[in-house]
Amino acid sequence: MFSLTSTLLVVADNGHHDMDWEDWILMALFWTLLIVGIVFVVRQLMGHGAGRGRSAGGDDPLAILDRSLAEGKLSPEQYRERRSILSERDQS
């Protein structure tokens, strides 16, 4: 019966392990997943994740305006006025 210790001793006695093509594929897959994972975490920490269409302030101005109307912070007249201002700004 083999144990982990005896397996490690056998590998250590051989000096090196000849890698098959399966080993190369697994090693490439491991490093690829590791690098992709690190890039994903760094992008999430830097704020470049799901909100790609957003302005530097964090939220789209029209979304903020829509939310303000829905929450009752703006009257419909104020909403239309501010939306037209934002639309003019986007066109120029």
N, C-alpha and C. Protein backbone atom coordinates (compact mmCIF):
# COMPACT_ATOMS: atom_id res chain seq x y z
N MET A 1 0.84 -1.17 0.00
CA MET A 1 0.00 0.00 0.00
C MET A 1 0.89 1.24 0.00
N PHE A 2 0.55 2.15 -0.92
CA PHE A 2 1.35 3.36 -1.05
C PHE A 2 0.78 4.48 -0.18
N SER A 3 1.66 5.23 0.38
CA SER A 3 1.25 6.41 1.13
C SER A 3 1.84 7.64 0.44
N LEU A 4 1.41 8.80 0.85
CA LEU A 4 1.91 10.03 0.27
C LEU A 4 3.40 10.17 0.51
N THR A 5 3.86 9.77 1.68
CA THR A 5 5.28 9.89 2.01
C THR A 5 6.12 8.99 1.12
N SER A 6 5.69 7.76 0.91
CA SER A 6 6.47 6.86 0.06
C SER A 6 6.45 7.33 -1.38
N THR A 7 5.34 7.89 -1.82
CA THR A 7 5.26 8.42 -3.19
C THR A 7 6.22 9.59 -3.36
N LEU A 8 6.26 10.49 -2.38
CA LEU A 8 7.17 11.62 -2.44
C LEU A 8 8.62 11.17 -2.42
N LEU A 9 8.92 10.15 -1.67
CA LEU A 9 10.29 9.63 -1.62
C LEU A 9 10.70 9.03 -2.96
N VAL A 10 9.80 8.33 -3.61
CA VAL A 10 10.09 7.74 -4.91
C VAL A 10 10.35 8.85 -5.93
N VAL A 11 9.52 9.89 -5.93
CA VAL A 11 9.72 11.00 -6.86
C VAL A 11 11.03 11.71 -6.56
N ALA A 12 11.34 11.91 -5.28
CA ALA A 12 12.58 12.58 -4.90
C ALA A 12 13.79 11.74 -5.31
N ASP A 13 13.70 10.42 -5.23
CA ASP A 13 14.80 9.56 -5.61
C ASP A 13 15.06 9.59 -7.11
N ASN A 14 14.02 9.78 -7.92
CA ASN A 14 14.20 9.82 -9.36
C ASN A 14 14.90 11.09 -9.82
N GLY A 15 14.88 12.11 -9.04
CA GLY A 15 15.53 13.36 -9.41
C GLY A 15 14.63 14.29 -10.19
N HIS A 16 13.93 13.78 -11.18
CA HIS A 16 12.99 14.59 -11.94
C HIS A 16 11.93 13.68 -12.53
N HIS A 17 10.84 14.29 -12.94
CA HIS A 17 9.72 13.54 -13.50
C HIS A 17 9.56 13.95 -14.95
N ASP A 18 9.61 12.99 -15.86
CA ASP A 18 9.38 13.30 -17.27
C ASP A 18 7.92 13.65 -17.46
N MET A 19 7.67 14.80 -18.08
CA MET A 19 6.29 15.27 -18.23
C MET A 19 5.70 14.78 -19.54
N ASP A 20 4.52 14.19 -19.46
CA ASP A 20 3.78 13.77 -20.64
C ASP A 20 3.04 14.99 -21.19
N TRP A 21 2.40 14.83 -22.34
CA TRP A 21 1.64 15.93 -22.91
C TRP A 21 0.45 16.27 -22.04
N GLU A 22 -0.11 15.28 -21.31
CA GLU A 22 -1.22 15.56 -20.40
C GLU A 22 -0.76 16.48 -19.27
N ASP A 23 0.46 16.23 -18.79
CA ASP A 23 1.01 17.08 -17.73
C ASP A 23 1.18 18.51 -18.22
N TRP A 24 1.65 18.67 -19.45
CA TRP A 24 1.83 20.01 -20.01
C TRP A 24 0.49 20.73 -20.15
N ILE A 25 -0.53 19.99 -20.60
CA ILE A 25 -1.85 20.60 -20.75
C ILE A 25 -2.41 21.01 -19.40
N LEU A 26 -2.27 20.14 -18.40
CA LEU A 26 -2.76 20.48 -17.07
C LEU A 26 -2.01 21.67 -16.48
N MET A 27 -0.69 21.72 -16.71
CA MET A 27 0.09 22.84 -16.19
C MET A 27 -0.33 24.15 -16.89
N ALA A 28 -0.52 24.10 -18.21
CA ALA A 28 -0.94 25.29 -18.95
C ALA A 28 -2.34 25.73 -18.50
N LEU A 29 -3.23 24.77 -18.29
CA LEU A 29 -4.57 25.09 -17.81
C LEU A 29 -4.53 25.73 -16.42
N PHE A 30 -3.71 25.17 -15.55
CA PHE A 30 -3.57 25.72 -14.21
C PHE A 30 -3.10 27.17 -14.25
N TRP A 31 -2.02 27.44 -15.00
CA TRP A 31 -1.48 28.80 -15.05
C TRP A 31 -2.44 29.76 -15.73
N THR A 32 -3.15 29.29 -16.75
CA THR A 32 -4.13 30.15 -17.42
C THR A 32 -5.25 30.54 -16.46
N LEU A 33 -5.79 29.55 -15.75
CA LEU A 33 -6.86 29.85 -14.79
C LEU A 33 -6.36 30.76 -13.66
N LEU A 34 -5.15 30.55 -13.22
CA LEU A 34 -4.59 31.38 -12.16
C LEU A 34 -4.45 32.83 -12.63
N ILE A 35 -3.92 33.03 -13.82
CA ILE A 35 -3.73 34.39 -14.35
C ILE A 35 -5.08 35.06 -14.60
N VAL A 36 -6.03 34.34 -15.19
CA VAL A 36 -7.35 34.91 -15.44
C VAL A 36 -8.02 35.28 -14.11
N GLY A 37 -7.87 34.43 -13.11
CA GLY A 37 -8.44 34.73 -11.79
C GLY A 37 -7.83 35.98 -11.18
N ILE A 38 -6.54 36.12 -11.29
CA ILE A 38 -5.87 37.30 -10.73
C ILE A 38 -6.32 38.57 -11.47
N VAL A 39 -6.39 38.50 -12.79
CA VAL A 39 -6.85 39.65 -13.58
C VAL A 39 -8.28 40.03 -13.19
N PHE A 40 -9.15 39.03 -13.04
CA PHE A 40 -10.53 39.29 -12.65
C PHE A 40 -10.60 39.99 -11.30
N VAL A 41 -9.85 39.50 -10.32
CA VAL A 41 -9.88 40.10 -8.98
C VAL A 41 -9.35 41.52 -9.02
N VAL A 42 -8.27 41.75 -9.74
CA VAL A 42 -7.70 43.10 -9.82
C VAL A 42 -8.68 44.06 -10.50
N ARG A 43 -9.33 43.61 -11.57
CA ARG A 43 -10.31 44.47 -12.26
C ARG A 43 -11.49 44.78 -11.37
N GLN A 44 -11.95 43.82 -10.58
CA GLN A 44 -13.05 44.07 -9.66
C GLN A 44 -12.64 45.06 -8.58
N LEU A 45 -11.43 44.93 -8.07
CA LEU A 45 -10.97 45.84 -7.03
C LEU A 45 -10.76 47.25 -7.56
N MET A 46 -10.41 47.37 -8.84
CA MET A 46 -10.19 48.69 -9.42
C MET A 46 -11.48 49.29 -9.97
N GLY A 47 -12.59 48.57 -9.91
CA GLY A 47 -13.87 49.12 -10.35
C GLY A 47 -14.12 49.03 -11.83
N HIS A 48 -13.43 48.14 -12.54
CA HIS A 48 -13.65 48.00 -13.97
C HIS A 48 -14.49 46.77 -14.29
N GLY A 49 -15.32 46.37 -13.37
CA GLY A 49 -16.10 45.15 -13.55
C GLY A 49 -17.32 45.34 -14.43
N ALA A 50 -18.49 45.15 -13.88
CA ALA A 50 -19.73 45.12 -14.66
C ALA A 50 -20.16 46.49 -15.14
N GLY A 51 -19.70 47.59 -14.54
CA GLY A 51 -20.19 48.92 -14.89
C GLY A 51 -19.39 49.61 -15.96
N ARG A 52 -19.21 49.00 -17.09
CA ARG A 52 -18.35 49.57 -18.13
C ARG A 52 -18.91 50.81 -18.78
N GLY A 53 -20.23 50.97 -18.83
CA GLY A 53 -20.81 52.13 -19.50
C GLY A 53 -20.99 53.31 -18.58
N ARG A 54 -20.48 53.26 -17.42
CA ARG A 54 -20.72 54.32 -16.42
C ARG A 54 -19.70 55.43 -16.53
N SER A 55 -20.09 56.58 -15.99
CA SER A 55 -19.20 57.73 -15.97
C SER A 55 -18.22 57.57 -14.81
N ALA A 56 -17.27 58.50 -14.73
CA ALA A 56 -16.26 58.41 -13.69
C ALA A 56 -16.85 58.55 -12.30
N GLY A 57 -18.02 59.18 -12.18
CA GLY A 57 -18.66 59.35 -10.88
C GLY A 57 -19.22 58.07 -10.31
N GLY A 58 -19.38 57.05 -11.11
CA GLY A 58 -19.84 55.78 -10.61
C GLY A 58 -21.19 55.36 -11.15
N ASP A 59 -22.13 56.30 -11.40
CA ASP A 59 -23.45 55.96 -11.90
C ASP A 59 -23.74 56.80 -13.13
N ASP A 60 -24.53 56.25 -14.03
CA ASP A 60 -24.96 56.98 -15.21
C ASP A 60 -25.89 58.12 -14.78
N PRO A 61 -25.66 59.34 -15.24
CA PRO A 61 -26.50 60.47 -14.83
C PRO A 61 -27.99 60.27 -15.11
N LEU A 62 -28.31 59.65 -16.25
CA LEU A 62 -29.73 59.41 -16.55
C LEU A 62 -30.33 58.40 -15.58
N ALA A 63 -29.54 57.42 -15.17
CA ALA A 63 -30.04 56.45 -14.20
C ALA A 63 -30.31 57.13 -12.85
N ILE A 64 -29.43 58.05 -12.47
CA ILE A 64 -29.65 58.79 -11.22
C ILE A 64 -30.92 59.63 -11.33
N LEU A 65 -31.07 60.28 -12.48
CA LEU A 65 -32.25 61.11 -12.70
C LEU A 65 -33.53 60.27 -12.66
N ASP A 66 -33.51 59.12 -13.32
CA ASP A 66 -34.67 58.22 -13.31
C ASP A 66 -34.99 57.76 -11.88
N ARG A 67 -33.94 57.43 -11.13
CA ARG A 67 -34.13 56.98 -9.75
C ARG A 67 -34.71 58.10 -8.88
N SER A 68 -34.25 59.33 -9.11
CA SER A 68 -34.76 60.46 -8.34
C SER A 68 -36.24 60.70 -8.60
N LEU A 69 -36.65 60.56 -9.86
CA LEU A 69 -38.08 60.69 -10.18
C LEU A 69 -38.88 59.57 -9.53
N ALA A 70 -38.37 58.36 -9.61
CA ALA A 70 -39.08 57.21 -9.04
C ALA A 70 -39.21 57.33 -7.52
N GLU A 71 -38.20 57.91 -6.88
CA GLU A 71 -38.24 58.06 -5.43
C GLU A 71 -39.03 59.28 -4.98
N GLY A 72 -39.49 60.10 -5.94
CA GLY A 72 -40.29 61.27 -5.60
C GLY A 72 -39.46 62.48 -5.23
N LYS A 73 -38.17 62.45 -5.49
CA LYS A 73 -37.31 63.60 -5.17
C LYS A 73 -37.47 64.73 -6.19
N LEU A 74 -37.97 64.39 -7.39
CA LEU A 74 -38.16 65.38 -8.45
C LEU A 74 -39.61 65.35 -8.90
N SER A 75 -40.09 66.52 -9.30
CA SER A 75 -41.41 66.58 -9.93
C SER A 75 -41.22 66.19 -11.40
N PRO A 76 -42.31 65.84 -12.08
CA PRO A 76 -42.18 65.52 -13.51
C PRO A 76 -41.60 66.68 -14.32
N GLU A 77 -41.93 67.91 -13.95
CA GLU A 77 -41.39 69.07 -14.67
C GLU A 77 -39.87 69.17 -14.48
N GLN A 78 -39.42 69.01 -13.23
CA GLN A 78 -37.98 69.05 -12.96
C GLN A 78 -37.27 67.92 -13.71
N TYR A 79 -37.90 66.76 -13.73
CA TYR A 79 -37.32 65.60 -14.42
C TYR A 79 -37.14 65.90 -15.91
N ARG A 80 -38.19 66.42 -16.56
CA ARG A 80 -38.11 66.71 -17.99
C ARG A 80 -37.05 67.77 -18.28
N GLU A 81 -37.00 68.81 -17.44
CA GLU A 81 -36.01 69.87 -17.63
C GLU A 81 -34.59 69.33 -17.53
N ARG A 82 -34.34 68.57 -16.51
CA ARG A 82 -32.99 68.04 -16.30
C ARG A 82 -32.62 66.98 -17.35
N ARG A 83 -33.61 66.20 -17.77
CA ARG A 83 -33.35 65.20 -18.81
C ARG A 83 -33.00 65.89 -20.13
N SER A 84 -33.69 66.98 -20.45
CA SER A 84 -33.37 67.69 -21.70
C SER A 84 -31.97 68.30 -21.63
N ILE A 85 -31.59 68.79 -20.46
CA ILE A 85 -30.23 69.33 -20.29
C ILE A 85 -29.19 68.23 -20.52
N LEU A 86 -29.42 67.07 -19.92
CA LEU A 86 -28.48 65.96 -20.10
C LEU A 86 -28.45 65.48 -21.55
N SER A 87 -29.59 65.47 -22.22
CA SER A 87 -29.64 65.04 -23.63
C SER A 87 -28.87 66.02 -24.50
N GLU A 88 -29.01 67.33 -24.24
CA GLU A 88 -28.27 68.33 -25.01
C GLU A 88 -26.78 68.17 -24.79
N ARG A 89 -26.39 67.91 -23.55
CA ARG A 89 -24.98 67.74 -23.24
C ARG A 89 -24.42 66.52 -23.96
N ASP A 90 -25.18 65.44 -24.04
CA ASP A 90 -24.71 64.22 -24.70
C ASP A 90 -24.59 64.40 -26.21
N GLN A 91 -25.43 65.26 -26.80
CA GLN A 91 -25.40 65.48 -28.24
C GLN A 91 -24.22 66.33 -28.66
N SER A 92 -23.72 67.17 -27.77
CA SER A 92 -22.61 68.05 -28.14
C SER A 92 -21.26 67.45 -27.86
